[in-house]
Amino acid sequence: MNGRSRHAAGFTLLEVLLALVLFAFVMAGVWGALAGATRITHSANALMMRSEQVQTAQRFIRTWLAAAEAQPYLESGGKRAREFDGGATKIRYVGPLPMQAGHAGLYLQTLELLPRKDGGATLALEYVPYTGNQPESGTPERHVLLTGLHGGKFEYFAAAAFGKPAAWRADWTATNGLPLAVRIHLDPAWKQRVAFPDMLVRLHTGSGFGFQPAGMSP
């Protein structure tokens, strides 16, 4: 009788400790599940954001690089006029920009892989209004298309000419004429599993050949 009364009056210290231990295990499991769900959500959001960035950059490049025009431009410093300049990490050309962004007319544009202090690279577009037969002027505006890259390279498809077959070249040095196409290879450094397949951009006004400066082979 007395034993039942003592048990009904409350829990023993051992029972309380066991209950607290069980509660701690339950809370640890709940916390772990919540933390795991949060990590999955953040990872999914980062994946979606990176995928959207890549797709947006690809659409922009494919649309507006393809629209490059055979318009001569003069660089500052009195260099020879040219219509297209292509290097391993830099492309210069004249073309339009999206009207909805408030850019009317033609612009001298530079698509370039810029090195970063951490050893990586950023793909950026710089542009100034096209000045025709006048040297370029004004401060370029810069728009970052993609960041978080190890690096990359640009290549140019030249038509068959001077007894040479059509082929991809490491640069475009002709002072007039545009390549038939540009190939863009980027090496992503981001953790998200979002690839950047090589882009082949066909230039609408590209003929694939042009006049080479003296001393340079086509």
N, C-alpha and C. Protein backbone atom coordinates (compact mmCIF):
# COMPACT_ATOMS: atom_id res chain seq x y z
N MET A 1 0.83 -1.20 0.00
CA MET A 1 0.00 0.00 0.00
C MET A 1 0.86 1.24 0.00
N ASN A 2 1.87 1.27 0.89
CA ASN A 2 2.75 2.43 0.95
C ASN A 2 3.59 2.55 -0.30
N GLY A 3 4.01 1.38 -0.84
CA GLY A 3 4.79 1.41 -2.09
C GLY A 3 4.01 2.00 -3.22
N ARG A 4 2.73 1.58 -3.36
CA ARG A 4 1.90 2.14 -4.44
C ARG A 4 1.70 3.63 -4.23
N SER A 5 1.61 4.09 -3.02
CA SER A 5 1.39 5.52 -2.76
C SER A 5 2.62 6.32 -3.16
N ARG A 6 3.82 5.77 -2.84
CA ARG A 6 5.04 6.50 -3.21
C ARG A 6 5.20 6.59 -4.73
N HIS A 7 4.83 5.52 -5.44
CA HIS A 7 4.94 5.52 -6.90
C HIS A 7 3.95 6.49 -7.53
N ALA A 8 2.74 6.55 -6.95
CA ALA A 8 1.72 7.46 -7.48
C ALA A 8 2.07 8.90 -7.19
N ALA A 9 2.88 9.14 -6.14
CA ALA A 9 3.18 10.52 -5.77
C ALA A 9 4.11 11.19 -6.76
N GLY A 10 4.88 10.48 -7.58
CA GLY A 10 5.79 11.08 -8.54
C GLY A 10 6.77 10.08 -9.11
N PHE A 11 7.71 10.59 -9.99
CA PHE A 11 8.70 9.75 -10.62
C PHE A 11 9.98 9.77 -9.81
N THR A 12 10.69 8.69 -9.91
CA THR A 12 11.99 8.64 -9.25
C THR A 12 13.00 9.44 -10.07
N LEU A 13 14.13 9.77 -9.47
CA LEU A 13 15.18 10.52 -10.16
C LEU A 13 15.69 9.75 -11.37
N LEU A 14 15.81 8.46 -11.26
CA LEU A 14 16.27 7.64 -12.38
C LEU A 14 15.31 7.72 -13.56
N GLU A 15 13.99 7.67 -13.24
CA GLU A 15 12.98 7.76 -14.30
C GLU A 15 13.05 9.11 -15.00
N VAL A 16 13.25 10.17 -14.24
CA VAL A 16 13.35 11.52 -14.82
C VAL A 16 14.58 11.61 -15.73
N LEU A 17 15.69 11.06 -15.27
CA LEU A 17 16.91 11.10 -16.08
C LEU A 17 16.75 10.32 -17.38
N LEU A 18 16.12 9.15 -17.28
CA LEU A 18 15.88 8.36 -18.48
C LEU A 18 14.98 9.11 -19.46
N ALA A 19 13.96 9.77 -18.92
CA ALA A 19 13.05 10.54 -19.78
C ALA A 19 13.79 11.67 -20.47
N LEU A 20 14.68 12.34 -19.74
CA LEU A 20 15.44 13.44 -20.33
C LEU A 20 16.39 12.94 -21.42
N VAL A 21 17.00 11.79 -21.18
CA VAL A 21 17.89 11.22 -22.20
C VAL A 21 17.12 10.86 -23.46
N LEU A 22 15.95 10.23 -23.28
CA LEU A 22 15.13 9.87 -24.43
C LEU A 22 14.67 11.13 -25.18
N PHE A 23 14.31 12.15 -24.43
CA PHE A 23 13.87 13.41 -25.06
C PHE A 23 15.01 14.04 -25.85
N ALA A 24 16.24 13.96 -25.29
CA ALA A 24 17.39 14.53 -25.99
C ALA A 24 17.66 13.80 -27.29
N PHE A 25 17.51 12.45 -27.26
CA PHE A 25 17.70 11.68 -28.49
C PHE A 25 16.65 12.05 -29.54
N VAL A 26 15.41 12.20 -29.10
CA VAL A 26 14.34 12.57 -30.03
C VAL A 26 14.61 13.94 -30.63
N MET A 27 14.99 14.91 -29.80
CA MET A 27 15.25 16.26 -30.30
C MET A 27 16.45 16.28 -31.25
N ALA A 28 17.47 15.46 -30.93
CA ALA A 28 18.62 15.39 -31.82
C ALA A 28 18.23 14.85 -33.19
N GLY A 29 17.36 13.84 -33.19
CA GLY A 29 16.88 13.30 -34.46
C GLY A 29 16.07 14.31 -35.24
N VAL A 30 15.19 15.04 -34.53
CA VAL A 30 14.38 16.07 -35.19
C VAL A 30 15.27 17.16 -35.75
N TRP A 31 16.27 17.60 -34.95
CA TRP A 31 17.18 18.66 -35.39
C TRP A 31 17.99 18.21 -36.61
N GLY A 32 18.45 16.96 -36.57
CA GLY A 32 19.20 16.45 -37.71
C GLY A 32 18.36 16.39 -38.98
N ALA A 33 17.10 15.98 -38.82
CA ALA A 33 16.21 15.93 -39.98
C ALA A 33 15.96 17.32 -40.54
N LEU A 34 15.75 18.31 -39.65
CA LEU A 34 15.51 19.68 -40.09
C LEU A 34 16.76 20.25 -40.77
N ALA A 35 17.92 19.98 -40.19
CA ALA A 35 19.17 20.48 -40.80
C ALA A 35 19.39 19.85 -42.17
N GLY A 36 19.11 18.54 -42.27
CA GLY A 36 19.25 17.88 -43.56
C GLY A 36 18.30 18.44 -44.60
N ALA A 37 17.06 18.68 -44.21
CA ALA A 37 16.08 19.25 -45.13
C ALA A 37 16.50 20.65 -45.57
N THR A 38 17.07 21.44 -44.63
CA THR A 38 17.53 22.78 -44.97
C THR A 38 18.68 22.73 -45.97
N ARG A 39 19.62 21.80 -45.75
CA ARG A 39 20.74 21.66 -46.69
C ARG A 39 20.25 21.26 -48.07
N ILE A 40 19.31 20.35 -48.12
CA ILE A 40 18.77 19.91 -49.41
C ILE A 40 18.08 21.06 -50.12
N THR A 41 17.31 21.86 -49.34
CA THR A 41 16.61 23.00 -49.93
C THR A 41 17.60 24.03 -50.47
N HIS A 42 18.64 24.34 -49.66
CA HIS A 42 19.65 25.30 -50.12
C HIS A 42 20.37 24.78 -51.36
N SER A 43 20.70 23.49 -51.36
CA SER A 43 21.39 22.91 -52.51
C SER A 43 20.53 22.96 -53.76
N ALA A 44 19.23 22.66 -53.60
CA ALA A 44 18.31 22.70 -54.75
C ALA A 44 18.17 24.13 -55.27
N ASN A 45 18.08 25.10 -54.33
CA ASN A 45 17.96 26.51 -54.75
C ASN A 45 19.22 26.97 -55.48
N ALA A 46 20.39 26.58 -54.95
CA ALA A 46 21.65 26.96 -55.60
C ALA A 46 21.75 26.34 -56.98
N LEU A 47 21.32 25.08 -57.10
CA LEU A 47 21.34 24.40 -58.39
C LEU A 47 20.44 25.10 -59.40
N MET A 48 19.24 25.49 -58.97
CA MET A 48 18.30 26.18 -59.85
C MET A 48 18.84 27.54 -60.27
N MET A 49 19.43 28.27 -59.31
CA MET A 49 19.97 29.59 -59.62
C MET A 49 21.12 29.49 -60.60
N ARG A 50 22.02 28.52 -60.38
CA ARG A 50 23.16 28.37 -61.28
C ARG A 50 22.69 27.96 -62.67
N SER A 51 21.72 27.05 -62.74
CA SER A 51 21.19 26.61 -64.02
C SER A 51 20.56 27.77 -64.77
N GLU A 52 19.85 28.62 -64.05
CA GLU A 52 19.22 29.79 -64.69
C GLU A 52 20.27 30.77 -65.18
N GLN A 53 21.34 30.97 -64.40
CA GLN A 53 22.42 31.87 -64.82
C GLN A 53 23.07 31.38 -66.10
N VAL A 54 23.35 30.08 -66.15
CA VAL A 54 24.00 29.50 -67.33
C VAL A 54 23.10 29.64 -68.56
N GLN A 55 21.82 29.31 -68.41
CA GLN A 55 20.90 29.39 -69.54
C GLN A 55 20.73 30.83 -70.02
N THR A 56 20.66 31.77 -69.08
CA THR A 56 20.52 33.19 -69.45
C THR A 56 21.75 33.66 -70.22
N ALA A 57 22.94 33.30 -69.72
CA ALA A 57 24.18 33.70 -70.40
C ALA A 57 24.26 33.09 -71.79
N GLN A 58 23.87 31.82 -71.92
CA GLN A 58 23.92 31.16 -73.22
C GLN A 58 22.96 31.82 -74.21
N ARG A 59 21.74 32.12 -73.75
CA ARG A 59 20.78 32.78 -74.65
C ARG A 59 21.29 34.14 -75.09
N PHE A 60 21.84 34.90 -74.15
CA PHE A 60 22.35 36.23 -74.48
C PHE A 60 23.46 36.14 -75.51
N ILE A 61 24.45 35.28 -75.25
CA ILE A 61 25.60 35.15 -76.16
C ILE A 61 25.14 34.67 -77.53
N ARG A 62 24.29 33.65 -77.55
CA ARG A 62 23.87 33.08 -78.83
C ARG A 62 23.11 34.11 -79.67
N THR A 63 22.28 34.92 -79.02
CA THR A 63 21.47 35.90 -79.75
C THR A 63 22.29 37.07 -80.24
N TRP A 64 23.09 37.68 -79.35
CA TRP A 64 23.70 38.96 -79.68
C TRP A 64 25.09 38.83 -80.29
N LEU A 65 25.83 37.78 -80.00
CA LEU A 65 27.07 37.55 -80.73
C LEU A 65 26.76 37.15 -82.16
N ALA A 66 25.72 36.35 -82.36
CA ALA A 66 25.32 35.96 -83.71
C ALA A 66 24.93 37.16 -84.56
N ALA A 67 24.49 38.25 -83.92
CA ALA A 67 24.04 39.45 -84.63
C ALA A 67 25.18 40.42 -84.94
N ALA A 68 26.42 40.02 -84.69
CA ALA A 68 27.56 40.89 -84.99
C ALA A 68 27.52 41.32 -86.45
N GLU A 69 27.81 42.58 -86.70
CA GLU A 69 27.72 43.13 -88.05
C GLU A 69 29.11 43.43 -88.62
N ALA A 70 29.19 43.45 -89.93
CA ALA A 70 30.44 43.75 -90.61
C ALA A 70 30.62 45.25 -90.70
N GLN A 71 30.81 45.87 -89.54
CA GLN A 71 30.98 47.32 -89.45
C GLN A 71 32.39 47.62 -88.96
N PRO A 72 33.13 48.46 -89.69
CA PRO A 72 34.50 48.76 -89.24
C PRO A 72 34.49 49.69 -88.03
N TYR A 73 35.45 49.48 -87.15
CA TYR A 73 35.58 50.35 -85.98
C TYR A 73 37.05 50.69 -85.79
N LEU A 74 37.29 51.83 -85.17
CA LEU A 74 38.64 52.28 -84.88
C LEU A 74 38.88 52.19 -83.38
N GLU A 75 39.95 51.54 -83.00
CA GLU A 75 40.32 51.49 -81.58
C GLU A 75 41.09 52.75 -81.23
N SER A 76 41.08 53.10 -79.96
CA SER A 76 41.87 54.24 -79.52
C SER A 76 43.35 53.91 -79.71
N GLY A 77 44.14 54.94 -80.01
CA GLY A 77 45.57 54.71 -80.24
C GLY A 77 45.95 54.68 -81.70
N GLY A 78 44.99 54.94 -82.59
CA GLY A 78 45.29 55.04 -84.01
C GLY A 78 45.55 53.73 -84.71
N LYS A 79 45.05 52.62 -84.17
CA LYS A 79 45.23 51.35 -84.83
C LYS A 79 44.37 51.25 -86.08
N ARG A 80 44.70 50.29 -86.94
CA ARG A 80 43.99 50.09 -88.18
C ARG A 80 42.53 49.69 -87.93
N ALA A 81 41.63 50.21 -88.73
CA ALA A 81 40.22 49.86 -88.60
C ALA A 81 40.03 48.37 -88.90
N ARG A 82 39.09 47.76 -88.18
CA ARG A 82 38.80 46.36 -88.39
C ARG A 82 37.33 46.11 -88.10
N GLU A 83 36.84 44.93 -88.47
CA GLU A 83 35.44 44.59 -88.28
C GLU A 83 35.21 43.56 -87.17
N PHE A 84 36.25 42.78 -86.87
CA PHE A 84 36.12 41.73 -85.87
C PHE A 84 37.51 41.38 -85.39
N ASP A 85 37.66 41.21 -84.09
CA ASP A 85 38.95 40.87 -83.52
C ASP A 85 38.74 39.71 -82.56
N GLY A 86 39.37 38.58 -82.83
CA GLY A 86 39.16 37.39 -82.00
C GLY A 86 40.45 36.84 -81.45
N GLY A 87 40.51 36.67 -80.14
CA GLY A 87 41.65 36.05 -79.50
C GLY A 87 41.20 34.86 -78.66
N ALA A 88 42.11 34.28 -77.92
CA ALA A 88 41.80 33.08 -77.14
C ALA A 88 40.81 33.37 -76.02
N THR A 89 40.85 34.59 -75.47
CA THR A 89 39.97 34.91 -74.35
C THR A 89 39.23 36.24 -74.54
N LYS A 90 39.25 36.78 -75.77
CA LYS A 90 38.65 38.09 -75.98
C LYS A 90 38.11 38.22 -77.40
N ILE A 91 36.90 38.75 -77.52
CA ILE A 91 36.28 38.98 -78.83
C ILE A 91 35.78 40.42 -78.87
N ARG A 92 36.07 41.14 -79.97
CA ARG A 92 35.55 42.50 -80.15
C ARG A 92 34.80 42.55 -81.48
N TYR A 93 33.64 43.19 -81.45
CA TYR A 93 32.81 43.26 -82.64
C TYR A 93 31.79 44.37 -82.46
N VAL A 94 31.11 44.71 -83.55
CA VAL A 94 30.06 45.72 -83.52
C VAL A 94 28.72 45.02 -83.69
N GLY A 95 27.77 45.36 -82.84
CA GLY A 95 26.46 44.74 -82.95
C GLY A 95 25.44 45.42 -82.06
N PRO A 96 24.17 45.04 -82.18
CA PRO A 96 23.11 45.61 -81.35
C PRO A 96 23.07 44.96 -79.97
N LEU A 97 22.31 45.58 -79.08
CA LEU A 97 22.04 45.04 -77.75
C LEU A 97 20.53 45.01 -77.54
N PRO A 98 20.03 44.30 -76.54
CA PRO A 98 18.58 44.20 -76.34
C PRO A 98 17.91 45.56 -76.18
N MET A 99 16.85 45.79 -76.93
CA MET A 99 16.11 47.05 -76.85
C MET A 99 15.47 47.23 -75.49
N GLN A 100 14.99 46.12 -74.88
CA GLN A 100 14.30 46.24 -73.60
C GLN A 100 15.23 46.69 -72.49
N ALA A 101 16.54 46.61 -72.72
CA ALA A 101 17.51 47.07 -71.72
C ALA A 101 17.81 48.55 -71.89
N GLY A 102 17.16 49.21 -72.84
CA GLY A 102 17.35 50.63 -73.05
C GLY A 102 18.53 50.96 -73.95
N HIS A 103 19.01 49.98 -74.71
CA HIS A 103 20.15 50.19 -75.59
C HIS A 103 19.68 50.21 -77.04
N ALA A 104 19.65 51.37 -77.63
CA ALA A 104 19.28 51.48 -79.04
C ALA A 104 20.53 51.71 -79.87
N GLY A 105 20.50 51.22 -81.10
CA GLY A 105 21.63 51.41 -81.99
C GLY A 105 22.69 50.35 -81.83
N LEU A 106 23.86 50.61 -82.44
CA LEU A 106 24.97 49.66 -82.44
C LEU A 106 25.97 50.02 -81.36
N TYR A 107 26.66 48.98 -80.88
CA TYR A 107 27.67 49.15 -79.84
C TYR A 107 28.92 48.37 -80.20
N LEU A 108 30.07 48.94 -79.84
CA LEU A 108 31.31 48.21 -79.92
C LEU A 108 31.40 47.36 -78.65
N GLN A 109 31.37 46.04 -78.84
CA GLN A 109 31.24 45.13 -77.71
C GLN A 109 32.50 44.28 -77.54
N THR A 110 32.81 43.97 -76.30
CA THR A 110 33.96 43.13 -75.98
C THR A 110 33.50 42.02 -75.05
N LEU A 111 33.53 40.79 -75.55
CA LEU A 111 33.22 39.62 -74.73
C LEU A 111 34.56 39.03 -74.30
N GLU A 112 34.78 38.95 -72.97
CA GLU A 112 36.12 38.62 -72.50
C GLU A 112 36.08 37.76 -71.23
N LEU A 113 37.05 36.86 -71.14
CA LEU A 113 37.29 36.12 -69.91
C LEU A 113 38.31 36.91 -69.10
N LEU A 114 37.86 37.45 -67.97
CA LEU A 114 38.72 38.28 -67.13
C LEU A 114 39.28 37.46 -65.98
N PRO A 115 40.59 37.52 -65.74
CA PRO A 115 41.17 36.75 -64.63
C PRO A 115 40.76 37.33 -63.28
N ARG A 116 40.63 36.46 -62.28
CA ARG A 116 40.30 36.86 -60.93
C ARG A 116 41.52 36.66 -60.02
N LYS A 117 41.51 37.34 -58.90
CA LYS A 117 42.63 37.24 -57.96
C LYS A 117 42.78 35.83 -57.40
N ASP A 118 41.66 35.09 -57.33
CA ASP A 118 41.71 33.73 -56.78
C ASP A 118 42.17 32.70 -57.80
N GLY A 119 42.54 33.16 -59.00
CA GLY A 119 43.01 32.26 -60.03
C GLY A 119 41.94 31.82 -61.00
N GLY A 120 40.69 32.14 -60.73
CA GLY A 120 39.60 31.79 -61.62
C GLY A 120 39.38 32.86 -62.68
N ALA A 121 38.20 32.85 -63.28
CA ALA A 121 37.89 33.80 -64.34
C ALA A 121 36.42 34.17 -64.31
N THR A 122 36.11 35.31 -64.89
CA THR A 122 34.75 35.82 -65.02
C THR A 122 34.49 36.13 -66.49
N LEU A 123 33.34 35.71 -66.99
CA LEU A 123 32.94 36.05 -68.36
C LEU A 123 32.13 37.34 -68.30
N ALA A 124 32.62 38.37 -68.98
CA ALA A 124 31.98 39.69 -68.90
C ALA A 124 31.83 40.29 -70.29
N LEU A 125 30.86 41.18 -70.42
CA LEU A 125 30.64 41.93 -71.66
C LEU A 125 30.81 43.41 -71.36
N GLU A 126 31.68 44.06 -72.13
CA GLU A 126 31.84 45.51 -72.05
C GLU A 126 31.35 46.12 -73.36
N TYR A 127 30.78 47.30 -73.29
CA TYR A 127 30.27 47.92 -74.51
C TYR A 127 30.28 49.44 -74.41
N VAL A 128 30.53 50.07 -75.54
CA VAL A 128 30.46 51.52 -75.70
C VAL A 128 29.70 51.80 -77.00
N PRO A 129 29.04 52.95 -77.11
CA PRO A 129 28.33 53.26 -78.36
C PRO A 129 29.27 53.23 -79.56
N TYR A 130 28.78 52.69 -80.65
CA TYR A 130 29.55 52.61 -81.89
C TYR A 130 29.69 53.99 -82.50
N THR A 131 30.93 54.39 -82.82
CA THR A 131 31.20 55.74 -83.32
C THR A 131 31.57 55.76 -84.80
N GLY A 132 31.33 54.67 -85.51
CA GLY A 132 31.59 54.66 -86.95
C GLY A 132 33.07 54.79 -87.25
N ASN A 133 33.42 55.80 -88.07
CA ASN A 133 34.82 55.95 -88.47
C ASN A 133 35.62 56.80 -87.49
N GLN A 134 35.05 57.07 -86.32
CA GLN A 134 35.75 57.81 -85.28
C GLN A 134 36.30 56.83 -84.24
N PRO A 135 37.45 57.16 -83.63
CA PRO A 135 37.98 56.26 -82.60
C PRO A 135 36.98 56.08 -81.46
N GLU A 136 37.03 54.90 -80.84
CA GLU A 136 36.11 54.63 -79.73
C GLU A 136 36.33 55.66 -78.62
N SER A 137 35.26 56.02 -77.94
CA SER A 137 35.34 57.01 -76.87
C SER A 137 34.35 56.65 -75.77
N GLY A 138 34.54 57.25 -74.63
CA GLY A 138 33.63 57.00 -73.51
C GLY A 138 34.12 55.86 -72.64
N THR A 139 33.54 55.77 -71.47
CA THR A 139 33.87 54.71 -70.52
C THR A 139 32.98 53.51 -70.77
N PRO A 140 33.55 52.35 -71.02
CA PRO A 140 32.72 51.16 -71.29
C PRO A 140 31.88 50.78 -70.08
N GLU A 141 30.69 50.30 -70.36
CA GLU A 141 29.87 49.69 -69.32
C GLU A 141 30.15 48.20 -69.31
N ARG A 142 30.13 47.63 -68.11
CA ARG A 142 30.45 46.21 -67.98
C ARG A 142 29.27 45.46 -67.37
N HIS A 143 29.00 44.30 -67.95
CA HIS A 143 27.95 43.41 -67.44
C HIS A 143 28.54 42.02 -67.27
N VAL A 144 28.52 41.48 -66.05
CA VAL A 144 29.05 40.15 -65.79
C VAL A 144 28.02 39.11 -66.22
N LEU A 145 28.44 38.22 -67.11
CA LEU A 145 27.55 37.16 -67.59
C LEU A 145 27.65 35.90 -66.73
N LEU A 146 28.88 35.52 -66.37
CA LEU A 146 29.10 34.32 -65.54
C LEU A 146 30.35 34.51 -64.70
N THR A 147 30.29 34.03 -63.48
CA THR A 147 31.47 34.02 -62.62
C THR A 147 31.66 32.60 -62.09
N GLY A 148 32.75 32.37 -61.37
CA GLY A 148 33.00 31.03 -60.87
C GLY A 148 33.51 30.08 -61.93
N LEU A 149 34.45 30.55 -62.76
CA LEU A 149 35.00 29.73 -63.84
C LEU A 149 36.49 29.47 -63.59
N HIS A 150 36.95 28.26 -63.97
CA HIS A 150 38.38 28.00 -63.98
C HIS A 150 39.05 28.77 -65.12
N GLY A 151 38.35 28.86 -66.24
CA GLY A 151 38.88 29.51 -67.42
C GLY A 151 38.08 29.10 -68.64
N GLY A 152 38.70 29.21 -69.80
CA GLY A 152 38.02 28.84 -71.04
C GLY A 152 38.79 29.36 -72.23
N LYS A 153 38.21 29.22 -73.42
CA LYS A 153 38.86 29.72 -74.63
C LYS A 153 37.81 29.91 -75.73
N PHE A 154 38.16 30.78 -76.69
CA PHE A 154 37.33 31.04 -77.86
C PHE A 154 38.08 30.56 -79.11
N GLU A 155 37.32 30.02 -80.08
CA GLU A 155 37.89 29.60 -81.35
C GLU A 155 37.01 30.09 -82.49
N TYR A 156 37.58 30.16 -83.71
CA TYR A 156 36.91 30.82 -84.84
C TYR A 156 36.98 29.92 -86.07
N PHE A 157 35.82 29.77 -86.74
CA PHE A 157 35.77 28.89 -87.91
C PHE A 157 35.97 29.70 -89.17
N ALA A 158 37.05 29.40 -89.88
CA ALA A 158 37.39 30.10 -91.11
C ALA A 158 37.03 29.23 -92.31
N ALA A 159 36.56 29.86 -93.36
CA ALA A 159 36.21 29.14 -94.58
C ALA A 159 37.46 28.72 -95.32
N ALA A 160 37.28 27.80 -96.25
CA ALA A 160 38.41 27.37 -97.08
C ALA A 160 38.89 28.54 -97.93
N ALA A 161 40.17 28.81 -97.89
CA ALA A 161 40.73 29.93 -98.67
C ALA A 161 42.24 29.75 -98.79
N PHE A 162 42.82 30.31 -99.86
CA PHE A 162 44.26 30.29 -100.09
C PHE A 162 44.81 28.86 -100.05
N GLY A 163 44.01 27.93 -100.56
CA GLY A 163 44.45 26.55 -100.62
C GLY A 163 44.36 25.80 -99.30
N LYS A 164 43.82 26.46 -98.27
CA LYS A 164 43.69 25.81 -96.97
C LYS A 164 42.24 25.39 -96.74
N PRO A 165 42.01 24.26 -96.08
CA PRO A 165 40.64 23.81 -95.83
C PRO A 165 39.98 24.64 -94.73
N ALA A 166 38.65 24.57 -94.71
CA ALA A 166 37.92 25.21 -93.62
C ALA A 166 38.33 24.57 -92.31
N ALA A 167 38.53 25.38 -91.29
CA ALA A 167 39.02 24.83 -90.03
C ALA A 167 38.78 25.82 -88.89
N TRP A 168 38.85 25.28 -87.68
CA TRP A 168 38.80 26.13 -86.48
C TRP A 168 40.18 26.72 -86.25
N ARG A 169 40.21 28.02 -85.96
CA ARG A 169 41.47 28.72 -85.71
C ARG A 169 41.48 29.26 -84.28
N ALA A 170 42.68 29.44 -83.73
CA ALA A 170 42.83 29.93 -82.37
C ALA A 170 42.58 31.43 -82.26
N ASP A 171 42.63 32.13 -83.41
CA ASP A 171 42.38 33.58 -83.37
C ASP A 171 41.83 34.03 -84.71
N TRP A 172 41.38 35.28 -84.75
CA TRP A 172 40.89 35.89 -85.99
C TRP A 172 41.58 37.24 -86.12
N THR A 173 42.51 37.34 -87.09
CA THR A 173 43.33 38.54 -87.22
C THR A 173 42.98 39.37 -88.44
N ALA A 174 42.05 38.91 -89.26
CA ALA A 174 41.68 39.66 -90.47
C ALA A 174 41.13 41.02 -90.08
N THR A 175 41.52 42.06 -90.82
CA THR A 175 41.02 43.40 -90.51
C THR A 175 39.62 43.62 -91.03
N ASN A 176 39.19 42.82 -91.99
CA ASN A 176 37.78 42.89 -92.41
C ASN A 176 37.25 41.46 -92.53
N GLY A 177 35.93 41.36 -92.57
CA GLY A 177 35.32 40.03 -92.61
C GLY A 177 35.18 39.44 -91.22
N LEU A 178 34.21 38.56 -91.07
CA LEU A 178 33.93 37.89 -89.81
C LEU A 178 34.05 36.39 -90.00
N PRO A 179 34.39 35.65 -88.97
CA PRO A 179 34.41 34.19 -89.10
C PRO A 179 33.01 33.65 -89.33
N LEU A 180 32.93 32.44 -89.82
CA LEU A 180 31.63 31.82 -90.01
C LEU A 180 30.94 31.53 -88.68
N ALA A 181 31.73 31.15 -87.69
CA ALA A 181 31.17 30.79 -86.39
C ALA A 181 32.22 30.97 -85.31
N VAL A 182 31.75 31.04 -84.09
CA VAL A 182 32.62 31.14 -82.92
C VAL A 182 32.28 29.96 -82.00
N ARG A 183 33.33 29.31 -81.49
CA ARG A 183 33.12 28.24 -80.52
C ARG A 183 33.61 28.73 -79.15
N ILE A 184 32.74 28.59 -78.16
CA ILE A 184 33.04 29.06 -76.80
C ILE A 184 33.12 27.87 -75.86
N HIS A 185 34.29 27.68 -75.29
CA HIS A 185 34.48 26.61 -74.29
C HIS A 185 34.75 27.25 -72.94
N LEU A 186 33.95 26.91 -71.93
CA LEU A 186 34.14 27.41 -70.58
C LEU A 186 34.32 26.24 -69.63
N ASP A 187 35.19 26.42 -68.66
CA ASP A 187 35.48 25.37 -67.68
C ASP A 187 34.93 25.82 -66.33
N PRO A 188 33.73 25.35 -65.92
CA PRO A 188 33.12 25.81 -64.68
C PRO A 188 33.90 25.35 -63.45
N ALA A 189 33.90 26.20 -62.42
CA ALA A 189 34.52 25.85 -61.14
C ALA A 189 33.48 25.71 -60.04
N TRP A 190 32.21 25.97 -60.36
CA TRP A 190 31.19 25.93 -59.32
C TRP A 190 30.90 24.49 -58.89
N LYS A 191 30.40 24.36 -57.65
CA LYS A 191 30.16 23.04 -57.06
C LYS A 191 28.89 22.40 -57.61
N GLN A 192 27.93 23.21 -58.02
CA GLN A 192 26.67 22.65 -58.52
C GLN A 192 26.93 21.87 -59.81
N ARG A 193 26.20 20.78 -59.97
CA ARG A 193 26.38 19.93 -61.15
C ARG A 193 25.62 20.51 -62.34
N VAL A 194 26.08 21.66 -62.79
CA VAL A 194 25.49 22.34 -63.95
C VAL A 194 26.61 22.49 -64.98
N ALA A 195 26.49 21.81 -66.08
CA ALA A 195 27.53 21.85 -67.11
C ALA A 195 27.37 23.08 -68.00
N PHE A 196 28.43 23.42 -68.69
CA PHE A 196 28.38 24.46 -69.71
C PHE A 196 28.90 23.83 -71.01
N PRO A 197 27.99 23.21 -71.79
CA PRO A 197 28.43 22.58 -73.04
C PRO A 197 29.04 23.61 -73.98
N ASP A 198 30.01 23.18 -74.77
CA ASP A 198 30.61 24.08 -75.75
C ASP A 198 29.52 24.70 -76.63
N MET A 199 29.61 26.01 -76.83
CA MET A 199 28.65 26.73 -77.65
C MET A 199 29.21 26.94 -79.05
N LEU A 200 28.41 26.68 -80.07
CA LEU A 200 28.75 27.00 -81.45
C LEU A 200 27.80 28.09 -81.91
N VAL A 201 28.32 29.29 -82.13
CA VAL A 201 27.50 30.44 -82.49
C VAL A 201 27.77 30.80 -83.95
N ARG A 202 26.78 30.62 -84.80
CA ARG A 202 26.90 30.97 -86.22
C ARG A 202 26.67 32.47 -86.37
N LEU A 203 27.63 33.17 -86.98
CA LEU A 203 27.51 34.62 -87.19
C LEU A 203 26.73 34.88 -88.48
N HIS A 204 25.66 35.66 -88.36
CA HIS A 204 24.78 35.89 -89.52
C HIS A 204 25.51 36.53 -90.69
N THR A 205 26.44 37.45 -90.41
CA THR A 205 27.15 38.14 -91.49
C THR A 205 28.56 37.60 -91.70
N GLY A 206 28.87 36.47 -91.08
CA GLY A 206 30.21 35.92 -91.21
C GLY A 206 30.44 35.25 -92.55
N SER A 207 31.53 35.60 -93.21
CA SER A 207 31.90 35.01 -94.49
C SER A 207 33.00 33.96 -94.32
N GLY A 208 33.70 34.05 -93.18
CA GLY A 208 34.74 33.05 -92.93
C GLY A 208 36.10 33.40 -93.49
N PHE A 209 36.23 34.57 -94.14
CA PHE A 209 37.53 34.97 -94.64
C PHE A 209 37.57 36.50 -94.70
N GLY A 210 38.76 37.02 -94.82
CA GLY A 210 38.93 38.47 -94.90
C GLY A 210 40.37 38.81 -95.19
N PHE A 211 40.66 40.09 -95.32
CA PHE A 211 42.01 40.56 -95.61
C PHE A 211 42.85 40.47 -94.36
N GLN A 212 44.02 39.84 -94.47
CA GLN A 212 44.95 39.73 -93.35
C GLN A 212 45.96 40.87 -93.39
N PRO A 213 46.34 41.40 -92.21
CA PRO A 213 47.41 42.40 -92.18
C PRO A 213 48.71 41.84 -92.75
N ALA A 214 49.54 42.71 -93.24
CA ALA A 214 50.81 42.30 -93.83
C ALA A 214 51.63 41.47 -92.83
N GLY A 215 52.18 40.39 -93.32
CA GLY A 215 53.03 39.57 -92.45
C GLY A 215 52.28 38.49 -91.71
N MET A 216 50.96 38.41 -91.88
CA MET A 216 50.17 37.39 -91.20
C MET A 216 49.55 36.46 -92.21
N SER A 217 49.54 35.20 -91.91
CA SER A 217 48.94 34.21 -92.79
C SER A 217 47.47 34.08 -92.48
N PRO A 218 46.60 33.73 -93.45
CA PRO A 218 45.19 33.60 -93.22
C PRO A 218 44.89 32.39 -92.37
